[in-house]
Amino acid sequence: MAVVTRRVTPAQLAEQLRVAITRLNRRLRQTRPVGELTQNQLSVLASLDLAGALTPRELSDAERVQPPTMTKVIAKLEERGLIQRAPHPTDGRQVLLSATAVGREVLLEARRAKAEWLTRRLTGLSAPDREVLAQAAEILDRIARETD
């Protein structure tokens, strides 16, 4: 069977990738249980898990939301025991926020659900298709790590 290739411009490819990644991301977000944490709350929890501890302002900046919005998200996560506050070591006016063990477990479960959903979809693909996706994942990761 002959492989048919078609020429696409970088702009056309950029649009195809944007649409495909957006759809895939939307489907992955839908794997979370209904009634559980919102996507914003999961994102904040993931930022704290990655960073270890952040001030509310640093968290607002990392999530690109306004401080009043972040205050509400923090309150909900704290209420559920998913994040905790600690005094800032050098600035008594600040606090540091971090994920609790329960918060990390909730995050792990959300990641597990996404991975299971995607694994089921990938299992249905042919070995050559999975190989192409493995290569694409490496390339996309490289693009994501580039700085302008």
C-alpha atoms as a PDB file:
ATOM      1  CA  MET A   1       0.000   0.000   0.000  1.00  0.00           C
ATOM      2  CA  ALA A   2       1.491   3.318  -1.056  1.00  0.00           C
ATOM      3  CA  VAL A   3       1.745   6.098   1.499  1.00  0.00           C
ATOM      4  CA  VAL A   4       0.140   9.273   0.262  1.00  0.00           C
ATOM      5  CA  THR A   5       1.681  12.454   1.552  1.00  0.00           C
ATOM      6  CA  ARG A   6       0.246  15.876   1.072  1.00  0.00           C
ATOM      7  CA  ARG A   7       2.022  19.133   1.376  1.00  0.00           C
ATOM      8  CA  VAL A   8       0.751  21.494   3.988  1.00  0.00           C
ATOM      9  CA  THR A   9       2.105  24.868   4.915  1.00  0.00           C
ATOM     10  CA  PRO A  10       3.300  25.510   8.475  1.00  0.00           C
ATOM     11  CA  ALA A  11       0.225  27.701   8.971  1.00  0.00           C
ATOM     12  CA  GLN A  12      -2.127  24.928   7.820  1.00  0.00           C
ATOM     13  CA  LEU A  13      -0.374  22.398  10.021  1.00  0.00           C
ATOM     14  CA  ALA A  14      -0.516  24.795  12.961  1.00  0.00           C
ATOM     15  CA  GLU A  15      -4.288  25.076  12.559  1.00  0.00           C
ATOM     16  CA  GLN A  16      -4.748  21.297  12.208  1.00  0.00           C
ATOM     17  CA  LEU A  17      -2.679  20.681  15.334  1.00  0.00           C
ATOM     18  CA  ARG A  18      -4.453  23.413  17.308  1.00  0.00           C
ATOM     19  CA  VAL A  19      -7.857  21.946  16.499  1.00  0.00           C
ATOM     20  CA  ALA A  20      -6.787  18.346  17.200  1.00  0.00           C
ATOM     21  CA  ILE A  21      -5.049  19.231  20.470  1.00  0.00           C
ATOM     22  CA  THR A  22      -8.018  21.309  21.601  1.00  0.00           C
ATOM     23  CA  ARG A  23     -10.433  18.451  20.890  1.00  0.00           C
ATOM     24  CA  LEU A  24      -8.216  15.914  22.620  1.00  0.00           C
ATOM     25  CA  ASN A  25      -7.769  18.191  25.622  1.00  0.00           C
ATOM     26  CA  ARG A  26     -11.530  18.718  25.837  1.00  0.00           C
ATOM     27  CA  ARG A  27     -12.132  14.959  25.776  1.00  0.00           C
ATOM     28  CA  LEU A  28      -9.493  14.396  28.457  1.00  0.00           C
ATOM     29  CA  ARG A  29     -11.073  17.076  30.666  1.00  0.00           C
ATOM     30  CA  GLN A  30     -14.390  15.260  30.334  1.00  0.00           C
ATOM     31  CA  THR A  31     -12.915  12.153  31.965  1.00  0.00           C
ATOM     32  CA  ARG A  32     -13.109  13.710  35.418  1.00  0.00           C
ATOM     33  CA  PRO A  33     -16.073  12.585  37.526  1.00  0.00           C
ATOM     34  CA  VAL A  34     -19.057  14.938  37.381  1.00  0.00           C
ATOM     35  CA  GLY A  35     -19.464  16.870  40.603  1.00  0.00           C
ATOM     36  CA  GLU A  36     -15.809  16.591  41.516  1.00  0.00           C
ATOM     37  CA  LEU A  37     -13.293  19.408  41.215  1.00  0.00           C
ATOM     38  CA  THR A  38     -13.599  21.936  38.442  1.00  0.00           C
ATOM     39  CA  GLN A  39     -10.910  22.140  35.777  1.00  0.00           C
ATOM     40  CA  ASN A  40      -9.626  25.367  37.366  1.00  0.00           C
ATOM     41  CA  GLN A  41      -9.363  23.712  40.765  1.00  0.00           C
ATOM     42  CA  LEU A  42      -7.491  20.743  39.280  1.00  0.00           C
ATOM     43  CA  SER A  43      -5.162  23.103  37.445  1.00  0.00           C
ATOM     44  CA  VAL A  44      -4.356  25.013  40.647  1.00  0.00           C
ATOM     45  CA  LEU A  45      -3.747  21.757  42.476  1.00  0.00           C
ATOM     46  CA  ALA A  46      -1.440  20.593  39.675  1.00  0.00           C
ATOM     47  CA  SER A  47       0.493  23.893  39.798  1.00  0.00           C
ATOM     48  CA  LEU A  48       1.018  23.494  43.535  1.00  0.00           C
ATOM     49  CA  ASP A  49       2.005  19.871  43.099  1.00  0.00           C
ATOM     50  CA  LEU A  50       4.602  20.866  40.497  1.00  0.00           C
ATOM     51  CA  ALA A  51       5.933  23.942  42.311  1.00  0.00           C
ATOM     52  CA  GLY A  52       5.808  22.563  45.823  1.00  0.00           C
ATOM     53  CA  ALA A  53       4.599  25.816  47.393  1.00  0.00           C
ATOM     54  CA  LEU A  54       3.555  29.188  46.042  1.00  0.00           C
ATOM     55  CA  THR A  55       2.153  32.418  47.401  1.00  0.00           C
ATOM     56  CA  PRO A  56      -1.400  33.225  46.317  1.00  0.00           C
ATOM     57  CA  ARG A  57       0.003  35.920  44.004  1.00  0.00           C
ATOM     58  CA  GLU A  58       2.500  33.515  42.408  1.00  0.00           C
ATOM     59  CA  LEU A  59      -0.325  31.044  41.941  1.00  0.00           C
ATOM     60  CA  SER A  60      -2.512  33.705  40.302  1.00  0.00           C
ATOM     61  CA  ASP A  61       0.320  34.560  37.950  1.00  0.00           C
ATOM     62  CA  ALA A  62       1.044  30.901  37.148  1.00  0.00           C
ATOM     63  CA  GLU A  63      -2.620  30.223  36.395  1.00  0.00           C
ATOM     64  CA  ARG A  64      -3.099  33.564  34.636  1.00  0.00           C
ATOM     65  CA  VAL A  65      -6.155  34.531  36.664  1.00  0.00           C
ATOM     66  CA  GLN A  66      -6.948  37.612  38.705  1.00  0.00           C
ATOM     67  CA  PRO A  67      -6.268  37.434  42.472  1.00  0.00           C
ATOM     68  CA  PRO A  68      -9.983  37.621  43.445  1.00  0.00           C
ATOM     69  CA  THR A  69     -10.681  34.570  41.257  1.00  0.00           C
ATOM     70  CA  MET A  70      -7.730  32.736  42.791  1.00  0.00           C
ATOM     71  CA  THR A  71      -8.955  33.599  46.292  1.00  0.00           C
ATOM     72  CA  LYS A  72     -12.213  31.777  45.566  1.00  0.00           C
ATOM     73  CA  VAL A  73     -10.447  28.724  44.123  1.00  0.00           C
ATOM     74  CA  ILE A  74      -8.068  28.592  47.089  1.00  0.00           C
ATOM     75  CA  ALA A  75     -10.989  28.782  49.518  1.00  0.00           C
ATOM     76  CA  LYS A  76     -12.758  25.837  47.833  1.00  0.00           C
ATOM     77  CA  LEU A  77      -9.590  23.719  47.795  1.00  0.00           C
ATOM     78  CA  GLU A  78      -8.812  24.570  51.410  1.00  0.00           C
ATOM     79  CA  GLU A  79     -12.379  23.781  52.435  1.00  0.00           C
ATOM     80  CA  ARG A  80     -11.935  20.270  50.996  1.00  0.00           C
ATOM     81  CA  GLY A  81      -8.576  19.788  52.683  1.00  0.00           C
ATOM     82  CA  LEU A  82      -6.713  19.626  49.367  1.00  0.00           C
ATOM     83  CA  ILE A  83      -4.315  22.511  50.011  1.00  0.00           C
ATOM     84  CA  GLN A  84      -2.755  23.984  53.123  1.00  0.00           C
ATOM     85  CA  ARG A  85      -1.285  27.306  54.195  1.00  0.00           C
ATOM     86  CA  ALA A  86       2.060  27.835  55.878  1.00  0.00           C
ATOM     87  CA  PRO A  87       3.793  31.025  56.980  1.00  0.00           C
ATOM     88  CA  HIS A  88       6.194  32.482  54.427  1.00  0.00           C
ATOM     89  CA  PRO A  89       9.757  31.996  55.721  1.00  0.00           C
ATOM     90  CA  THR A  90      10.949  35.533  54.901  1.00  0.00           C
ATOM     91  CA  ASP A  91       7.798  37.678  54.590  1.00  0.00           C
ATOM     92  CA  GLY A  92       5.419  37.627  57.525  1.00  0.00           C
ATOM     93  CA  ARG A  93       2.685  39.233  55.412  1.00  0.00           C
ATOM     94  CA  GLN A  94       2.629  36.287  52.987  1.00  0.00           C
ATOM     95  CA  VAL A  95       1.586  32.663  53.167  1.00  0.00           C
ATOM     96  CA  LEU A  96       2.707  29.703  51.117  1.00  0.00           C
ATOM     97  CA  LEU A  97       0.161  27.327  49.682  1.00  0.00           C
ATOM     98  CA  SER A  98       0.901  23.676  49.003  1.00  0.00           C
ATOM     99  CA  ALA A  99      -1.021  20.543  48.113  1.00  0.00           C
ATOM    100  CA  THR A 100      -1.864  18.209  50.971  1.00  0.00           C
ATOM    101  CA  ALA A 101      -1.427  14.446  50.753  1.00  0.00           C
ATOM    102  CA  VAL A 102      -5.168  14.200  50.066  1.00  0.00           C
ATOM    103  CA  GLY A 103      -4.848  16.843  47.347  1.00  0.00           C
ATOM    104  CA  ARG A 104      -2.005  14.970  45.688  1.00  0.00           C
ATOM    105  CA  GLU A 105      -4.057  11.763  45.781  1.00  0.00           C
ATOM    106  CA  VAL A 106      -7.047  13.511  44.155  1.00  0.00           C
ATOM    107  CA  LEU A 107      -4.730  14.856  41.470  1.00  0.00           C
ATOM    108  CA  LEU A 108      -3.203  11.422  40.940  1.00  0.00           C
ATOM    109  CA  GLU A 109      -6.667   9.888  40.535  1.00  0.00           C
ATOM    110  CA  ALA A 110      -7.653  12.538  37.967  1.00  0.00           C
ATOM    111  CA  ARG A 111      -4.439  11.864  36.037  1.00  0.00           C
ATOM    112  CA  ARG A 112      -5.054   8.122  36.262  1.00  0.00           C
ATOM    113  CA  ALA A 113      -8.564   8.513  34.802  1.00  0.00           C
ATOM    114  CA  LYS A 114      -7.203  10.522  31.875  1.00  0.00           C
ATOM    115  CA  ALA A 115      -4.429   8.007  31.250  1.00  0.00           C
ATOM    116  CA  GLU A 116      -6.902   5.102  31.304  1.00  0.00           C
ATOM    117  CA  TRP A 117      -9.211   6.845  28.844  1.00  0.00           C
ATOM    118  CA  LEU A 118      -6.340   7.617  26.471  1.00  0.00           C
ATOM    119  CA  THR A 119      -4.874   4.118  26.803  1.00  0.00           C
ATOM    120  CA  ARG A 120      -8.201   2.621  25.741  1.00  0.00           C
ATOM    121  CA  ARG A 121      -8.270   4.862  22.669  1.00  0.00           C
ATOM    122  CA  LEU A 122      -4.658   4.101  21.736  1.00  0.00           C
ATOM    123  CA  THR A 123      -5.184   0.353  22.136  1.00  0.00           C
ATOM    124  CA  GLY A 124      -7.660   0.488  19.266  1.00  0.00           C
ATOM    125  CA  LEU A 125      -5.077   1.938  16.882  1.00  0.00           C
ATOM    126  CA  SER A 126      -2.723   0.007  14.652  1.00  0.00           C
ATOM    127  CA  ALA A 127       0.918  -0.398  15.667  1.00  0.00           C
ATOM    128  CA  PRO A 128       2.070   1.947  12.856  1.00  0.00           C
ATOM    129  CA  ASP A 129      -0.412   4.623  14.001  1.00  0.00           C
ATOM    130  CA  ARG A 130       0.839   4.315  17.586  1.00  0.00           C
ATOM    131  CA  GLU A 131       4.423   4.675  16.341  1.00  0.00           C
ATOM    132  CA  VAL A 132       3.510   7.859  14.462  1.00  0.00           C
ATOM    133  CA  LEU A 133       1.865   9.213  17.613  1.00  0.00           C
ATOM    134  CA  ALA A 134       4.937   8.328  19.685  1.00  0.00           C
ATOM    135  CA  GLN A 135       7.073  10.350  17.294  1.00  0.00           C
ATOM    136  CA  ALA A 136       4.543  13.180  17.270  1.00  0.00           C
ATOM    137  CA  ALA A 137       4.497  13.229  21.089  1.00  0.00           C
ATOM    138  CA  GLU A 138       8.265  13.696  21.143  1.00  0.00           C
ATOM    139  CA  ILE A 139       8.065  16.518  18.619  1.00  0.00           C
ATOM    140  CA  LEU A 140       5.170  18.241  20.403  1.00  0.00           C
ATOM    141  CA  ASP A 141       7.033  18.011  23.694  1.00  0.00           C
ATOM    142  CA  ARG A 142      10.087  19.578  22.072  1.00  0.00           C
ATOM    143  CA  ILE A 143       7.943  22.411  20.674  1.00  0.00           C
ATOM    144  CA  ALA A 144       6.320  22.974  24.062  1.00  0.00           C
ATOM    145  CA  ARG A 145       9.703  23.269  25.765  1.00  0.00           C
ATOM    146  CA  GLU A 146      11.069  25.849  23.291  1.00  0.00           C
ATOM    147  CA  THR A 147      11.260  29.415  24.477  1.00  0.00           C
ATOM    148  CA  ASP A 148      10.828  32.391  22.199  1.00  0.00           C
END
